[in-house]
């Protein structure tokens, strides 16, 4: 038995994986409505991600996300080449992407044909950072992306990487991120139980969640420039930390 694909109905994304997006009498939040990128600087990369999804050979591992994922190809390249590339991984990260942009890309180029065993998902920080979504809406968007990935990749585990902390010192957005991550930790086992009850054929757990970002925070709550030079994007050393965490769960 396979999970049903996401079906758009009157602009609202409905899910048939045994759990659903928040219901509302009003229009759905932007975080749930698939949307193409309109920024000229991001359109080419969006097209490239769609091309990779359509043309890459089947692979064990696929990364999906925003600039932090895309930057495996820049400050993260050494760690990628050392730890991730040997697994034949495909990078589908696009700078500036929000959950709605990833929903669009996945609708244009489902990952089913890649037949991954593992999908590494990091998304949501731009929903908050761009001010387009509040914490509740961002949570719903992350869940929607994860649900769609589970539907498209029925033999994979979707590894949700908890949204990384951002900002050099304590700040309100970090509080939102912590609340989102806390909710995701509670949601993942419930979602797994719902999927299992539907009769998932794969022996792999549908969803997993990982708190990689905890390692980026100093004991006083600050984030060092050695870890995040701009208090958001990762340094080569931080990519090394993330790469080792990925290998620990998908490299076996």
C-alpha atoms as a PDB file:
ATOM      1  CA  UNK A   1       0.000   0.000   0.000  1.00  0.00           C
ATOM      2  CA  UNK A   2       1.405   3.359  -0.998  1.00  0.00           C
ATOM      3  CA  UNK A   3       0.823   6.761   0.528  1.00  0.00           C
ATOM      4  CA  UNK A   4      -1.362   9.063  -1.528  1.00  0.00           C
ATOM      5  CA  UNK A   5       0.226  12.047  -3.213  1.00  0.00           C
ATOM      6  CA  UNK A   6      -0.515  15.614  -2.247  1.00  0.00           C
ATOM      7  CA  UNK A   7      -3.483  17.002  -4.144  1.00  0.00           C
ATOM      8  CA  UNK A   8      -4.109  20.768  -4.516  1.00  0.00           C
ATOM      9  CA  UNK A   9      -7.761  21.674  -4.064  1.00  0.00           C
ATOM     10  CA  UNK A  10      -8.849  25.291  -4.529  1.00  0.00           C
ATOM     11  CA  UNK A  11      -5.411  26.501  -3.486  1.00  0.00           C
ATOM     12  CA  UNK A  12      -5.329  24.421  -0.285  1.00  0.00           C
ATOM     13  CA  UNK A  13      -2.848  21.575  -0.066  1.00  0.00           C
ATOM     14  CA  UNK A  14      -4.568  18.493   1.351  1.00  0.00           C
ATOM     15  CA  UNK A  15      -2.652  15.482   2.550  1.00  0.00           C
ATOM     16  CA  UNK A  16      -3.668  11.842   2.602  1.00  0.00           C
ATOM     17  CA  UNK A  17      -0.944  10.418   4.782  1.00  0.00           C
ATOM     18  CA  UNK A  18      -3.081   9.902   7.875  1.00  0.00           C
ATOM     19  CA  UNK A  19      -2.546  13.394   9.249  1.00  0.00           C
ATOM     20  CA  UNK A  20      -3.534  16.792   7.947  1.00  0.00           C
ATOM     21  CA  UNK A  21      -2.621  20.433   7.788  1.00  0.00           C
ATOM     22  CA  UNK A  22      -4.422  22.854  10.095  1.00  0.00           C
ATOM     23  CA  UNK A  23      -7.947  23.610   8.941  1.00  0.00           C
ATOM     24  CA  UNK A  24      -9.256  27.133   8.637  1.00  0.00           C
ATOM     25  CA  UNK A  25     -12.289  28.842   7.167  1.00  0.00           C
ATOM     26  CA  UNK A  26      -9.990  31.510   5.757  1.00  0.00           C
ATOM     27  CA  UNK A  27      -7.382  31.152   3.036  1.00  0.00           C
ATOM     28  CA  UNK A  28      -4.439  28.906   3.938  1.00  0.00           C
ATOM     29  CA  UNK A  29      -1.207  30.576   5.040  1.00  0.00           C
ATOM     30  CA  UNK A  30       1.396  31.229   2.367  1.00  0.00           C
ATOM     31  CA  UNK A  31       3.633  28.580   3.933  1.00  0.00           C
ATOM     32  CA  UNK A  32       1.231  25.911   2.591  1.00  0.00           C
ATOM     33  CA  UNK A  33       0.594  27.290  -0.889  1.00  0.00           C
ATOM     34  CA  UNK A  34       3.149  26.109  -3.488  1.00  0.00           C
ATOM     35  CA  UNK A  35       4.884  29.129  -5.016  1.00  0.00           C
ATOM     36  CA  UNK A  36       7.615  29.550  -7.606  1.00  0.00           C
ATOM     37  CA  UNK A  37      10.489  31.904  -6.896  1.00  0.00           C
ATOM     38  CA  UNK A  38      10.139  35.344  -8.426  1.00  0.00           C
ATOM     39  CA  UNK A  39      13.540  36.771  -7.411  1.00  0.00           C
ATOM     40  CA  UNK A  40      15.673  36.886 -10.556  1.00  0.00           C
ATOM     41  CA  UNK A  41      18.752  35.685  -8.674  1.00  0.00           C
ATOM     42  CA  UNK A  42      16.971  32.541  -7.412  1.00  0.00           C
ATOM     43  CA  UNK A  43      15.066  31.450 -10.525  1.00  0.00           C
ATOM     44  CA  UNK A  44      18.085  29.887 -12.234  1.00  0.00           C
ATOM     45  CA  UNK A  45      18.905  27.814  -9.155  1.00  0.00           C
ATOM     46  CA  UNK A  46      15.270  26.763  -8.833  1.00  0.00           C
ATOM     47  CA  UNK A  47      15.389  25.516 -12.424  1.00  0.00           C
ATOM     48  CA  UNK A  48      18.639  23.706 -11.682  1.00  0.00           C
ATOM     49  CA  UNK A  49      17.133  21.965  -8.650  1.00  0.00           C
ATOM     50  CA  UNK A  50      14.156  20.880 -10.747  1.00  0.00           C
ATOM     51  CA  UNK A  51      16.516  19.638 -13.472  1.00  0.00           C
ATOM     52  CA  UNK A  52      18.533  17.647 -10.950  1.00  0.00           C
ATOM     53  CA  UNK A  53      15.379  16.071  -9.556  1.00  0.00           C
ATOM     54  CA  UNK A  54      14.250  15.121 -13.060  1.00  0.00           C
ATOM     55  CA  UNK A  55      17.570  13.982 -14.504  1.00  0.00           C
ATOM     56  CA  UNK A  56      19.842  12.713 -11.720  1.00  0.00           C
ATOM     57  CA  UNK A  57      20.435   8.999 -11.378  1.00  0.00           C
ATOM     58  CA  UNK A  58      18.630   7.228  -8.525  1.00  0.00           C
ATOM     59  CA  UNK A  59      20.552   7.852  -5.336  1.00  0.00           C
ATOM     60  CA  UNK A  60      20.715   6.856  -1.707  1.00  0.00           C
ATOM     61  CA  UNK A  61      20.551  10.367  -0.243  1.00  0.00           C
ATOM     62  CA  UNK A  62      18.842  13.602  -1.295  1.00  0.00           C
ATOM     63  CA  UNK A  63      19.213  16.944   0.500  1.00  0.00           C
ATOM     64  CA  UNK A  64      16.285  19.388   0.329  1.00  0.00           C
ATOM     65  CA  UNK A  65      16.396  22.917   1.704  1.00  0.00           C
ATOM     66  CA  UNK A  66      17.394  26.557   1.362  1.00  0.00           C
ATOM     67  CA  UNK A  67      20.712  28.443   1.266  1.00  0.00           C
ATOM     68  CA  UNK A  68      22.168  26.428   4.134  1.00  0.00           C
ATOM     69  CA  UNK A  69      21.668  23.298   2.066  1.00  0.00           C
ATOM     70  CA  UNK A  70      22.773  24.925  -1.200  1.00  0.00           C
ATOM     71  CA  UNK A  71      25.980  26.051   0.508  1.00  0.00           C
ATOM     72  CA  UNK A  72      27.199  22.483   0.788  1.00  0.00           C
ATOM     73  CA  UNK A  73      28.565  23.554  -2.620  1.00  0.00           C
ATOM     74  CA  UNK A  74      30.556  26.496  -1.203  1.00  0.00           C
ATOM     75  CA  UNK A  75      31.709  26.694   2.456  1.00  0.00           C
ATOM     76  CA  UNK A  76      30.458  23.149   2.952  1.00  0.00           C
ATOM     77  CA  UNK A  77      32.189  21.706  -0.112  1.00  0.00           C
ATOM     78  CA  UNK A  78      35.140  20.145   1.704  1.00  0.00           C
ATOM     79  CA  UNK A  79      32.850  18.364   4.169  1.00  0.00           C
ATOM     80  CA  UNK A  80      30.493  17.338   1.330  1.00  0.00           C
ATOM     81  CA  UNK A  81      33.331  15.901  -0.734  1.00  0.00           C
ATOM     82  CA  UNK A  82      34.741  14.036   2.254  1.00  0.00           C
ATOM     83  CA  UNK A  83      31.583  12.654   3.854  1.00  0.00           C
ATOM     84  CA  UNK A  84      28.537  13.091   1.608  1.00  0.00           C
ATOM     85  CA  UNK A  85      29.659  12.794  -2.017  1.00  0.00           C
ATOM     86  CA  UNK A  86      30.803   9.166  -1.580  1.00  0.00           C
ATOM     87  CA  UNK A  87      27.133   8.296  -0.989  1.00  0.00           C
ATOM     88  CA  UNK A  88      26.202   9.800  -4.364  1.00  0.00           C
ATOM     89  CA  UNK A  89      24.003  12.427  -2.700  1.00  0.00           C
ATOM     90  CA  UNK A  90      22.015  14.999  -4.686  1.00  0.00           C
ATOM     91  CA  UNK A  91      21.812  18.592  -3.412  1.00  0.00           C
ATOM     92  CA  UNK A  92      18.414  20.259  -3.931  1.00  0.00           C
ATOM     93  CA  UNK A  93      18.958  23.402  -1.890  1.00  0.00           C
ATOM     94  CA  UNK A  94      18.034  26.881  -3.131  1.00  0.00           C
ATOM     95  CA  UNK A  95      19.037  30.077  -1.350  1.00  0.00           C
ATOM     96  CA  UNK A  96      16.097  31.974   0.095  1.00  0.00           C
ATOM     97  CA  UNK A  97      13.604  29.136  -0.259  1.00  0.00           C
ATOM     98  CA  UNK A  98      10.658  28.992   2.106  1.00  0.00           C
ATOM     99  CA  UNK A  99       8.400  26.005   2.641  1.00  0.00           C
ATOM    100  CA  UNK A 100       6.036  27.133  -0.126  1.00  0.00           C
ATOM    101  CA  UNK A 101       8.905  27.253  -2.624  1.00  0.00           C
ATOM    102  CA  UNK A 102       9.958  23.708  -1.784  1.00  0.00           C
ATOM    103  CA  UNK A 103       6.345  22.544  -2.157  1.00  0.00           C
ATOM    104  CA  UNK A 104       6.377  24.096  -5.629  1.00  0.00           C
ATOM    105  CA  UNK A 105       9.641  22.429  -6.623  1.00  0.00           C
ATOM    106  CA  UNK A 106       8.481  19.038  -5.406  1.00  0.00           C
ATOM    107  CA  UNK A 107       5.244  19.401  -7.370  1.00  0.00           C
ATOM    108  CA  UNK A 108       7.214  20.233 -10.521  1.00  0.00           C
ATOM    109  CA  UNK A 109       9.704  17.409 -10.053  1.00  0.00           C
ATOM    110  CA  UNK A 110       8.651  14.694  -7.581  1.00  0.00           C
ATOM    111  CA  UNK A 111      11.543  12.815  -6.029  1.00  0.00           C
ATOM    112  CA  UNK A 112       9.940   9.409  -6.547  1.00  0.00           C
ATOM    113  CA  UNK A 113      12.126   8.561  -9.542  1.00  0.00           C
ATOM    114  CA  UNK A 114      15.287   9.114  -7.478  1.00  0.00           C
ATOM    115  CA  UNK A 115      14.202   6.279  -5.134  1.00  0.00           C
ATOM    116  CA  UNK A 116      16.228   7.608  -2.188  1.00  0.00           C
ATOM    117  CA  UNK A 117      16.671   5.712   1.039  1.00  0.00           C
ATOM    118  CA  UNK A 118      17.163   8.946   2.961  1.00  0.00           C
ATOM    119  CA  UNK A 119      15.982  12.530   2.430  1.00  0.00           C
ATOM    120  CA  UNK A 120      17.642  15.208   4.568  1.00  0.00           C
ATOM    121  CA  UNK A 121      15.302  18.179   5.016  1.00  0.00           C
ATOM    122  CA  UNK A 122      16.226  21.580   6.473  1.00  0.00           C
ATOM    123  CA  UNK A 123      13.647  24.301   5.826  1.00  0.00           C
ATOM    124  CA  UNK A 124      11.710  27.017   7.630  1.00  0.00           C
ATOM    125  CA  UNK A 125      14.197  29.650   8.734  1.00  0.00           C
ATOM    126  CA  UNK A 126      13.332  31.938   5.793  1.00  0.00           C
ATOM    127  CA  UNK A 127       9.609  31.793   6.557  1.00  0.00           C
ATOM    128  CA  UNK A 128      10.457  33.437   9.856  1.00  0.00           C
ATOM    129  CA  UNK A 129      13.364  35.548   8.651  1.00  0.00           C
ATOM    130  CA  UNK A 130      11.449  37.016   5.708  1.00  0.00           C
ATOM    131  CA  UNK A 131       8.470  37.740   7.947  1.00  0.00           C
ATOM    132  CA  UNK A 132       6.057  35.857   5.670  1.00  0.00           C
ATOM    133  CA  UNK A 133       5.006  33.304   8.303  1.00  0.00           C
ATOM    134  CA  UNK A 134       4.642  33.188  12.058  1.00  0.00           C
ATOM    135  CA  UNK A 135       5.801  30.211  14.105  1.00  0.00           C
ATOM    136  CA  UNK A 136       2.518  28.304  13.755  1.00  0.00           C
ATOM    137  CA  UNK A 137       2.450  28.802   9.988  1.00  0.00           C
ATOM    138  CA  UNK A 138       6.112  27.871   9.640  1.00  0.00           C
ATOM    139  CA  UNK A 139       5.523  24.670  11.596  1.00  0.00           C
ATOM    140  CA  UNK A 140       2.635  23.771   9.287  1.00  0.00           C
ATOM    141  CA  UNK A 141       4.827  24.439   6.264  1.00  0.00           C
ATOM    142  CA  UNK A 142       7.651  22.212   7.487  1.00  0.00           C
ATOM    143  CA  UNK A 143       5.159  19.456   8.236  1.00  0.00           C
ATOM    144  CA  UNK A 144       3.616  19.841   4.772  1.00  0.00           C
ATOM    145  CA  UNK A 145       6.992  19.495   3.067  1.00  0.00           C
ATOM    146  CA  UNK A 146       7.843  16.450   5.184  1.00  0.00           C
ATOM    147  CA  UNK A 147       4.470  14.859   4.391  1.00  0.00           C
ATOM    148  CA  UNK A 148       4.950  15.390   0.678  1.00  0.00           C
ATOM    149  CA  UNK A 149       8.430  13.895   0.795  1.00  0.00           C
ATOM    150  CA  UNK A 150       7.078  10.839   2.615  1.00  0.00           C
ATOM    151  CA  UNK A 151       4.408  10.475  -0.057  1.00  0.00           C
ATOM    152  CA  UNK A 152       6.871  10.857  -2.924  1.00  0.00           C
ATOM    153  CA  UNK A 153       9.559   8.630  -1.376  1.00  0.00           C
ATOM    154  CA  UNK A 154       7.658   5.726   0.205  1.00  0.00           C
ATOM    155  CA  UNK A 155      10.816   3.684   0.820  1.00  0.00           C
ATOM    156  CA  UNK A 156      12.835   6.484   2.412  1.00  0.00           C
ATOM    157  CA  UNK A 157      13.276   7.981   5.827  1.00  0.00           C
ATOM    158  CA  UNK A 158      12.761  11.728   5.766  1.00  0.00           C
ATOM    159  CA  UNK A 159      15.257  13.191   8.235  1.00  0.00           C
ATOM    160  CA  UNK A 160      13.963  16.534   9.479  1.00  0.00           C
ATOM    161  CA  UNK A 161      16.884  18.648  10.638  1.00  0.00           C
ATOM    162  CA  UNK A 162      15.577  20.946  13.335  1.00  0.00           C
ATOM    163  CA  UNK A 163      15.747  24.570  12.223  1.00  0.00           C
ATOM    164  CA  UNK A 164      19.128  25.934  13.241  1.00  0.00           C
ATOM    165  CA  UNK A 165      19.323  28.709  15.848  1.00  0.00           C
ATOM    166  CA  UNK A 166      20.138  32.114  14.402  1.00  0.00           C
ATOM    167  CA  UNK A 167      21.354  35.431  15.769  1.00  0.00           C
ATOM    168  CA  UNK A 168      24.546  35.975  17.723  1.00  0.00           C
ATOM    169  CA  UNK A 169      22.683  36.388  21.037  1.00  0.00           C
ATOM    170  CA  UNK A 170      19.298  35.380  22.441  1.00  0.00           C
ATOM    171  CA  UNK A 171      16.467  36.890  20.411  1.00  0.00           C
ATOM    172  CA  UNK A 172      12.744  36.457  19.782  1.00  0.00           C
ATOM    173  CA  UNK A 173      13.214  34.507  16.561  1.00  0.00           C
ATOM    174  CA  UNK A 174      15.285  31.932  18.400  1.00  0.00           C
ATOM    175  CA  UNK A 175      12.298  31.488  20.684  1.00  0.00           C
ATOM    176  CA  UNK A 176      10.050  30.823  17.687  1.00  0.00           C
ATOM    177  CA  UNK A 177      12.567  28.333  16.315  1.00  0.00           C
ATOM    178  CA  UNK A 178      12.725  26.481  19.621  1.00  0.00           C
ATOM    179  CA  UNK A 179       8.936  26.247  19.770  1.00  0.00           C
ATOM    180  CA  UNK A 180       8.767  24.948  16.203  1.00  0.00           C
ATOM    181  CA  UNK A 181      11.434  22.339  16.905  1.00  0.00           C
ATOM    182  CA  UNK A 182       9.707  21.274  20.120  1.00  0.00           C
ATOM    183  CA  UNK A 183       6.431  20.787  18.237  1.00  0.00           C
ATOM    184  CA  UNK A 184       8.183  18.837  15.478  1.00  0.00           C
ATOM    185  CA  UNK A 185       9.701  16.485  18.047  1.00  0.00           C
ATOM    186  CA  UNK A 186       6.216  15.732  19.350  1.00  0.00           C
ATOM    187  CA  UNK A 187       4.742  15.478  15.844  1.00  0.00           C
ATOM    188  CA  UNK A 188       7.211  13.022  14.307  1.00  0.00           C
ATOM    189  CA  UNK A 189       6.278   9.960  16.419  1.00  0.00           C
ATOM    190  CA  UNK A 190       2.575  10.719  16.009  1.00  0.00           C
ATOM    191  CA  UNK A 191       2.993  11.029  12.246  1.00  0.00           C
ATOM    192  CA  UNK A 192       5.017   7.811  12.111  1.00  0.00           C
ATOM    193  CA  UNK A 193       2.280   5.988  14.001  1.00  0.00           C
ATOM    194  CA  UNK A 194      -0.347   7.302  11.585  1.00  0.00           C
ATOM    195  CA  UNK A 195       1.670   6.257   8.537  1.00  0.00           C
ATOM    196  CA  UNK A 196       2.361   2.819   9.981  1.00  0.00           C
ATOM    197  CA  UNK A 197      -1.345   2.364  10.662  1.00  0.00           C
ATOM    198  CA  UNK A 198      -1.980   2.996   6.970  1.00  0.00           C
ATOM    199  CA  UNK A 199       0.132  -0.045   6.106  1.00  0.00           C
ATOM    200  CA  UNK A 200       3.454   1.399   4.913  1.00  0.00           C
ATOM    201  CA  UNK A 201       5.393  -1.299   3.061  1.00  0.00           C
ATOM    202  CA  UNK A 202       8.921  -0.061   3.756  1.00  0.00           C
ATOM    203  CA  UNK A 203      10.718  -1.262   6.863  1.00  0.00           C
ATOM    204  CA  UNK A 204      12.340   2.155   7.228  1.00  0.00           C
ATOM    205  CA  UNK A 205      10.850   4.629   9.645  1.00  0.00           C
ATOM    206  CA  UNK A 206       9.041   7.298   7.567  1.00  0.00           C
ATOM    207  CA  UNK A 207      10.241  10.292   9.608  1.00  0.00           C
ATOM    208  CA  UNK A 208      13.121  11.071  11.936  1.00  0.00           C
ATOM    209  CA  UNK A 209      14.206  14.315  13.561  1.00  0.00           C
ATOM    210  CA  UNK A 210      17.675  15.511  14.518  1.00  0.00           C
ATOM    211  CA  UNK A 211      18.813  18.408  16.714  1.00  0.00           C
ATOM    212  CA  UNK A 212      22.082  19.126  14.890  1.00  0.00           C
ATOM    213  CA  UNK A 213      21.846  22.847  15.606  1.00  0.00           C
ATOM    214  CA  UNK A 214      22.238  22.359  19.349  1.00  0.00           C
ATOM    215  CA  UNK A 215      25.954  21.845  18.724  1.00  0.00           C
ATOM    216  CA  UNK A 216      26.233  25.356  17.282  1.00  0.00           C
ATOM    217  CA  UNK A 217      25.293  27.176  20.503  1.00  0.00           C
ATOM    218  CA  UNK A 218      27.922  28.126  23.092  1.00  0.00           C
ATOM    219  CA  UNK A 219      27.352  27.557  26.824  1.00  0.00           C
ATOM    220  CA  UNK A 220      26.397  31.226  27.289  1.00  0.00           C
ATOM    221  CA  UNK A 221      23.765  30.994  24.547  1.00  0.00           C
ATOM    222  CA  UNK A 222      25.767  32.879  21.934  1.00  0.00           C
ATOM    223  CA  UNK A 223      26.716  31.627  18.482  1.00  0.00           C
ATOM    224  CA  UNK A 224      30.376  32.071  17.587  1.00  0.00           C
ATOM    225  CA  UNK A 225      31.431  33.571  14.257  1.00  0.00           C
ATOM    226  CA  UNK A 226      33.611  30.479  13.926  1.00  0.00           C
ATOM    227  CA  UNK A 227      30.374  28.511  13.613  1.00  0.00           C
ATOM    228  CA  UNK A 228      28.112  31.023  11.840  1.00  0.00           C
ATOM    229  CA  UNK A 229      30.059  33.978  10.431  1.00  0.00           C
ATOM    230  CA  UNK A 230      26.858  35.995   9.895  1.00  0.00           C
ATOM    231  CA  UNK A 231      24.906  34.362  12.750  1.00  0.00           C
ATOM    232  CA  UNK A 232      22.848  32.398  10.200  1.00  0.00           C
ATOM    233  CA  UNK A 233      24.935  30.570   7.596  1.00  0.00           C
ATOM    234  CA  UNK A 234      27.413  27.876   8.511  1.00  0.00           C
ATOM    235  CA  UNK A 235      31.190  27.942   8.461  1.00  0.00           C
ATOM    236  CA  UNK A 236      33.232  25.078   6.981  1.00  0.00           C
ATOM    237  CA  UNK A 237      33.740  23.772  10.530  1.00  0.00           C
ATOM    238  CA  UNK A 238      29.981  23.738  11.148  1.00  0.00           C
ATOM    239  CA  UNK A 239      29.417  21.850   7.903  1.00  0.00           C
ATOM    240  CA  UNK A 240      31.920  19.303   9.153  1.00  0.00           C
ATOM    241  CA  UNK A 241      29.787  18.880  12.274  1.00  0.00           C
ATOM    242  CA  UNK A 242      26.614  18.513  10.226  1.00  0.00           C
ATOM    243  CA  UNK A 243      28.246  16.092   7.778  1.00  0.00           C
ATOM    244  CA  UNK A 244      29.382  13.798  10.577  1.00  0.00           C
ATOM    245  CA  UNK A 245      25.875  13.833  12.022  1.00  0.00           C
ATOM    246  CA  UNK A 246      24.433  12.906   8.616  1.00  0.00           C
ATOM    247  CA  UNK A 247      26.855  10.036   8.125  1.00  0.00           C
ATOM    248  CA  UNK A 248      25.968   8.733  11.567  1.00  0.00           C
ATOM    249  CA  UNK A 249      22.339   8.203  10.552  1.00  0.00           C
ATOM    250  CA  UNK A 250      22.403   7.622   6.782  1.00  0.00           C
ATOM    251  CA  UNK A 251      25.863   6.227   6.092  1.00  0.00           C
ATOM    252  CA  UNK A 252      25.165   2.795   7.512  1.00  0.00           C
END
